[in-house]
């Protein structure tokens, strides 16, 4: 759902909030691969909120949907239980 151009717009927001945030074509490609399944409006909203509240730049995980993180936590719990 999220295009490379939309990730660039998120990077612009992050760069304005954190001048030392480094941007490169490789980083843009990596972030796009990991955010392309996300809702662009939701990611931008999270980026803007992060800039207002945090003293460090966001990670990809900070910008992904909560449901995705909950699904990952459930999977980790499954593997933990399966290892017993």
Protein backbone atom coordinates (compact mmCIF):
# COMPACT_ATOMS: atom_id res chain seq x y z
CA UNK A 1 0.00 0.00 0.00
CA UNK A 2 2.82 2.43 0.77
CA UNK A 3 4.85 3.73 -2.18
CA UNK A 4 8.52 4.66 -2.27
CA UNK A 5 7.50 8.33 -2.67
CA UNK A 6 5.40 8.13 0.49
CA UNK A 7 8.35 6.67 2.40
CA UNK A 8 10.41 9.63 1.10
CA UNK A 9 7.81 11.98 2.59
CA UNK A 10 8.12 10.16 5.93
CA UNK A 11 11.91 10.50 5.71
CA UNK A 12 11.51 14.23 5.11
CA UNK A 13 9.42 14.55 8.28
CA UNK A 14 11.96 12.53 10.28
CA UNK A 15 14.88 14.54 8.85
CA UNK A 16 13.22 17.84 9.83
CA UNK A 17 12.73 16.58 13.37
CA UNK A 18 16.13 14.90 13.66
CA UNK A 19 18.73 16.71 11.52
CA UNK A 20 21.31 13.95 12.08
CA UNK A 21 18.99 11.27 10.64
CA UNK A 22 20.87 9.88 7.65
CA UNK A 23 19.10 9.22 4.38
CA UNK A 24 20.48 7.14 1.52
CA UNK A 25 18.98 5.31 -1.45
CA UNK A 26 19.79 1.99 0.24
CA UNK A 27 18.08 3.04 3.47
CA UNK A 28 15.05 4.26 1.53
CA UNK A 29 14.82 0.91 -0.28
CA UNK A 30 15.11 -1.02 2.99
CA UNK A 31 12.46 1.07 4.74
CA UNK A 32 10.16 0.82 1.72
CA UNK A 33 10.44 -2.99 1.69
CA UNK A 34 9.50 -3.05 5.37
CA UNK A 35 6.71 -0.47 5.23
CA UNK A 36 5.13 -1.16 1.84
CA UNK A 37 2.30 -3.18 3.41
CA UNK A 38 1.36 -0.35 5.78
CA UNK A 39 -1.23 2.43 5.52
CA UNK A 40 0.65 5.61 4.45
CA UNK A 41 -1.54 7.97 6.47
CA UNK A 42 -1.06 5.87 9.60
CA UNK A 43 2.73 5.73 9.15
CA UNK A 44 2.96 9.50 8.62
CA UNK A 45 0.77 10.17 11.65
CA UNK A 46 3.01 7.94 13.79
CA UNK A 47 6.15 9.66 12.42
CA UNK A 48 4.77 13.12 13.23
CA UNK A 49 3.72 12.05 16.72
CA UNK A 50 7.12 10.43 17.31
CA UNK A 51 8.92 13.66 16.34
CA UNK A 52 6.81 15.57 18.85
CA UNK A 53 7.35 13.14 21.74
CA UNK A 54 10.75 11.44 21.37
CA UNK A 55 14.32 12.69 21.41
CA UNK A 56 15.51 9.98 18.99
CA UNK A 57 14.38 9.04 15.47
CA UNK A 58 11.78 6.30 14.99
CA UNK A 59 12.60 2.78 13.87
CA UNK A 60 10.61 0.85 11.31
CA UNK A 61 8.95 -1.01 14.18
CA UNK A 62 7.86 2.31 15.73
CA UNK A 63 5.99 3.16 12.53
CA UNK A 64 4.40 -0.20 11.75
CA UNK A 65 0.82 -0.88 12.78
CA UNK A 66 0.15 -2.15 16.27
CA UNK A 67 -1.63 -5.23 14.90
CA UNK A 68 1.55 -6.27 13.09
CA UNK A 69 3.55 -5.99 16.34
CA UNK A 70 0.87 -7.97 18.23
CA UNK A 71 0.95 -10.68 15.56
CA UNK A 72 4.76 -10.87 15.91
CA UNK A 73 4.47 -11.13 19.69
CA UNK A 74 1.96 -13.95 19.39
CA UNK A 75 4.24 -15.79 16.98
CA UNK A 76 7.23 -15.39 19.33
CA UNK A 77 5.09 -16.73 22.19
CA UNK A 78 4.07 -19.69 20.03
CA UNK A 79 7.69 -20.60 19.29
CA UNK A 80 8.65 -20.15 22.93
CA UNK A 81 5.90 -22.56 24.04
CA UNK A 82 6.74 -24.98 21.24
CA UNK A 83 10.39 -25.16 22.40
CA UNK A 84 9.39 -26.55 25.82
